Amino acid sequence: MKPGDTFQNRLSTALRIRNIKPVELHEMTGISESLLSKYLSGNAIARQKKLSILSDALDINPVWLMGYDVPMSNQDSSTNLDDKISSKHVFPLLGTVRAGYDYLASQNIIGYIAIDRNIPDAENCYALKVIGDSMQPVLYEDDIVIVHKQEDVESGQIGIVLIDNDEATVKKIVKYDNHIELVALNPYYPIQKYTDKDNFKIIGKVIEARITKIFE
């Protein structure tokens, strides 16, 4: 089940049909006018909590609001989005992860992905777009991985590591007594070694890879 429309278009349509102005929607929901403006201009996409708030205020199906081909009317009183999407989990999709800012802020979300099966501790997961070819042939550029936010992984697992408080990298993490190695699966790239004296931080574990059900 893939969306046939965008969140931006569906929100604009709902406002027109309900004859509600953005300033009135702000008053009804408490969502700032600036954020609503970003939604309507396509510069931001609402996360699950705000999708529920918007759909309740507009009396519409939140799945329809996300662009799916379902009835617009909100006939189901439940506001649980996972139940409304046939038990799918929906995760924010990020282009990159950097230190020093809230990488799950709405302006850093470039879309959403839906997963058919249950993901443990889903509220602490996000999706990340792979950049580069260092993890080929397992992961290719623009592939999508689901990441569980955590500060450690077992040796040999693929994780997300933040280097020098800059952009994070996806690598196989191999642990030794006095250092770790970040191993690229593409043999063209050399192994990177880091000790406790180096500035690195494990920030997640890849739990699902090569997801393609993306919507914006």
Protein backbone atom coordinates (compact mmCIF):
# COMPACT_ATOMS: atom_id res chain seq x y z
CA MET A 1 0.00 0.00 0.00
CA LYS A 2 1.71 3.15 -1.24
CA PRO A 3 0.55 6.75 -0.94
CA GLY A 4 -0.98 8.29 -4.04
CA ASP A 5 -0.72 11.88 -2.89
CA THR A 6 1.40 14.07 -0.64
CA PHE A 7 0.77 15.20 2.91
CA GLN A 8 1.02 18.81 1.68
CA ASN A 9 -1.78 18.37 -0.88
CA ARG A 10 -4.02 16.41 1.46
CA LEU A 11 -3.73 19.03 4.22
CA SER A 12 -4.54 21.82 1.76
CA THR A 13 -7.52 19.85 0.46
CA ALA A 14 -8.83 19.19 3.96
CA LEU A 15 -8.63 22.87 4.88
CA ARG A 16 -10.51 23.81 1.72
CA ILE A 17 -13.22 21.19 2.22
CA ARG A 18 -13.66 22.06 5.91
CA ASN A 19 -13.52 25.79 5.10
CA ILE A 20 -10.85 26.33 7.76
CA LYS A 21 -8.05 28.86 7.51
CA PRO A 22 -4.51 28.04 8.70
CA VAL A 23 -4.81 30.56 11.55
CA GLU A 24 -8.00 28.81 12.68
CA LEU A 25 -6.26 25.44 12.50
CA HIS A 26 -3.49 26.89 14.68
CA GLU A 27 -6.08 27.92 17.26
CA MET A 28 -7.76 24.52 17.12
CA THR A 29 -4.59 22.44 17.44
CA GLY A 30 -1.96 24.58 19.14
CA ILE A 31 0.42 23.83 16.26
CA SER A 32 2.35 27.00 15.47
CA GLU A 33 1.42 29.02 12.41
CA SER A 34 5.01 28.82 11.19
CA LEU A 35 4.98 25.01 11.31
CA LEU A 36 1.59 24.87 9.59
CA SER A 37 3.01 27.15 6.90
CA LYS A 38 5.88 24.70 6.41
CA TYR A 39 3.39 21.83 6.09
CA LEU A 40 1.36 23.70 3.48
CA SER A 41 4.43 24.73 1.50
CA GLY A 42 5.87 21.22 1.49
CA ASN A 43 8.91 22.16 3.59
CA ALA A 44 7.98 19.91 6.52
CA ILE A 45 5.95 16.76 7.16
CA ALA A 46 4.03 16.13 10.35
CA ARG A 47 5.12 13.33 12.62
CA GLN A 48 2.67 10.82 14.09
CA LYS A 49 1.61 12.85 17.14
CA LYS A 50 0.83 15.96 15.09
CA LEU A 51 -0.81 13.87 12.36
CA SER A 52 -3.24 12.62 14.99
CA ILE A 53 -3.86 16.15 16.28
CA LEU A 54 -4.50 17.47 12.77
CA SER A 55 -6.75 14.59 11.77
CA ASP A 56 -8.81 14.95 14.95
CA ALA A 57 -9.21 18.71 14.45
CA LEU A 58 -10.22 18.28 10.80
CA ASP A 59 -12.28 15.13 11.46
CA ILE A 60 -10.46 13.17 8.79
CA ASN A 61 -8.74 9.82 8.52
CA PRO A 62 -5.02 10.30 9.36
CA VAL A 63 -4.08 7.65 6.82
CA TRP A 64 -5.85 9.69 4.13
CA LEU A 65 -3.97 12.77 5.39
CA MET A 66 -0.68 10.93 4.81
CA GLY A 67 -1.62 10.44 1.16
CA TYR A 68 -3.00 6.92 1.11
CA ASP A 69 -5.95 5.91 -1.06
CA VAL A 70 -8.49 5.43 1.74
CA PRO A 71 -11.71 7.27 2.61
CA MET A 72 -11.23 10.82 3.84
CA SER A 73 -13.87 10.59 6.55
CA ASN A 74 -12.74 9.59 10.01
CA GLN A 75 -15.08 6.66 10.65
CA ASP A 76 -12.73 4.93 13.05
CA SER A 77 -12.59 6.60 16.46
CA SER A 78 -9.16 5.14 17.16
CA THR A 79 -6.27 7.57 16.75
CA ASN A 80 -3.59 4.88 16.73
CA LEU A 81 -1.85 5.31 13.38
CA ASP A 82 -0.22 1.89 13.51
CA ASP A 83 -3.66 0.25 13.74
CA LYS A 84 -4.99 2.43 10.92
CA ILE A 85 -2.21 1.39 8.54
CA SER A 86 -2.84 -2.35 8.83
CA SER A 87 -0.36 -2.69 11.70
CA LYS A 88 2.44 -1.00 9.78
CA HIS A 89 5.06 0.99 11.65
CA VAL A 90 5.84 4.45 10.32
CA PHE A 91 9.28 5.97 10.86
CA PRO A 92 10.73 9.41 10.08
CA LEU A 93 13.27 9.27 7.26
CA LEU A 94 16.44 11.33 7.63
CA GLY A 95 18.92 12.23 4.91
CA THR A 96 21.87 12.58 7.30
CA VAL A 97 22.64 12.56 11.00
CA ARG A 98 24.92 15.15 12.56
CA ALA A 99 25.83 16.13 16.11
CA GLY A 100 24.82 19.40 17.70
CA TYR A 101 21.16 19.50 16.72
CA ASP A 102 17.93 17.59 17.07
CA TYR A 103 18.21 15.33 14.06
CA LEU A 104 14.60 14.22 14.53
CA ALA A 105 13.34 17.80 14.28
CA SER A 106 10.72 18.16 11.56
CA GLN A 107 13.00 20.20 9.28
CA ASN A 108 15.48 17.32 9.13
CA ILE A 109 12.86 14.75 8.11
CA ILE A 110 12.79 14.21 4.35
CA GLY A 111 9.93 11.70 4.34
CA TYR A 112 8.55 8.63 6.08
CA ILE A 113 8.78 4.90 5.53
CA ALA A 114 6.25 2.23 6.45
CA ILE A 115 7.26 -1.25 7.61
CA ASP A 116 4.85 -4.18 7.36
CA ARG A 117 6.12 -6.13 10.33
CA ASN A 118 6.37 -5.15 13.98
CA ILE A 119 9.61 -3.51 15.07
CA PRO A 120 10.55 -3.87 18.76
CA ASP A 121 10.85 -0.55 20.61
CA ALA A 122 9.68 1.26 17.47
CA GLU A 123 9.38 4.62 19.24
CA ASN A 124 13.17 4.67 19.56
CA CYS A 125 13.83 3.96 15.89
CA TYR A 126 14.23 6.09 12.79
CA ALA A 127 15.06 5.57 9.13
CA LEU A 128 18.26 6.78 7.51
CA LYS A 129 19.20 7.12 3.86
CA VAL A 130 22.55 5.57 2.95
CA ILE A 131 25.07 7.92 1.33
CA GLY A 132 28.00 6.58 -0.69
CA ASP A 133 29.10 3.10 -1.73
CA SER A 134 31.26 2.00 1.21
CA MET A 135 28.76 -0.69 2.29
CA GLN A 136 28.24 -2.30 -1.11
CA PRO A 137 27.25 -4.99 -1.98
CA VAL A 138 24.97 -5.09 1.09
CA LEU A 139 23.87 -1.45 1.12
CA TYR A 140 23.82 0.85 -1.89
CA GLU A 141 23.52 4.62 -2.08
CA ASP A 142 19.96 5.80 -1.36
CA ASP A 143 19.07 2.51 0.31
CA ILE A 144 17.11 2.93 3.52
CA VAL A 145 18.02 1.42 6.89
CA ILE A 146 15.99 1.33 10.11
CA VAL A 147 18.13 2.36 13.06
CA HIS A 148 17.48 1.71 16.74
CA LYS A 149 18.87 4.52 18.88
CA GLN A 150 21.44 3.05 21.28
CA GLU A 151 24.94 3.81 22.51
CA ASP A 152 26.52 0.40 21.96
CA VAL A 153 26.33 -2.63 19.67
CA GLU A 154 27.81 -6.11 19.68
CA SER A 155 31.03 -6.71 17.78
CA GLY A 156 30.35 -7.51 14.14
CA GLN A 157 27.04 -5.66 13.94
CA ILE A 158 26.33 -2.80 11.54
CA GLY A 159 25.86 0.45 13.39
CA ILE A 160 25.77 4.21 13.08
CA VAL A 161 28.87 6.00 14.38
CA LEU A 162 29.33 9.72 14.81
CA ILE A 163 32.91 10.80 14.06
CA ASP A 164 34.40 14.07 15.34
CA ASN A 165 30.92 15.42 16.12
CA ASP A 166 30.28 15.57 12.39
CA GLU A 167 28.13 13.51 10.06
CA ALA A 168 27.41 9.93 11.10
CA THR A 169 28.59 6.94 9.09
CA VAL A 170 27.14 3.45 8.57
CA LYS A 171 29.76 0.73 9.11
CA LYS A 172 30.34 -2.74 10.48
CA ILE A 173 31.71 -2.29 14.01
CA VAL A 174 34.38 -4.73 15.19
CA LYS A 175 35.54 -4.45 18.81
CA TYR A 176 38.95 -5.19 20.28
CA ASP A 177 40.35 -4.75 23.79
CA ASN A 178 41.83 -1.31 23.15
CA HIS A 179 40.12 -0.08 20.00
CA ILE A 180 37.27 -0.54 17.55
CA GLU A 181 37.41 -0.90 13.80
CA LEU A 182 34.88 0.52 11.40
CA VAL A 183 34.83 -1.88 8.50
CA ALA A 184 33.43 -0.96 5.09
CA LEU A 185 32.01 -3.93 3.20
CA ASN A 186 33.37 -2.46 -0.03
CA PRO A 187 37.05 -3.60 -0.06
CA TYR A 188 38.04 -0.36 -1.81
CA TYR A 189 37.71 1.46 1.52
CA PRO A 190 40.36 0.96 4.25
CA ILE A 191 39.50 -0.09 7.80
CA GLN A 192 39.25 2.83 10.23
CA LYS A 193 40.61 2.33 13.76
CA TYR A 194 39.50 4.34 16.79
CA THR A 195 40.57 4.26 20.44
CA ASP A 196 39.11 5.87 23.54
CA LYS A 197 41.28 8.91 22.81
CA ASP A 198 39.48 9.53 19.52
CA ASN A 199 36.28 11.49 19.19
CA PHE A 200 33.66 8.93 18.15
CA LYS A 201 30.30 7.80 19.45
CA ILE A 202 28.05 4.89 18.59
CA ILE A 203 24.53 6.26 18.24
CA GLY A 204 22.53 3.37 16.79
CA LYS A 205 22.26 -0.16 15.43
CA VAL A 206 20.92 -1.03 11.99
CA ILE A 207 18.04 -3.45 12.51
CA GLU A 208 16.45 -3.44 9.05
CA ALA A 209 18.01 -2.69 5.67
CA ARG A 210 17.06 -1.80 2.10
CA ILE A 211 13.58 -0.53 2.86
CA THR A 212 11.82 0.95 -0.16
CA LYS A 213 8.32 1.92 1.04
CA ILE A 214 8.95 5.65 1.27
CA PHE A 215 6.39 8.42 1.39
CA GLU A 216 6.71 12.13 1.90
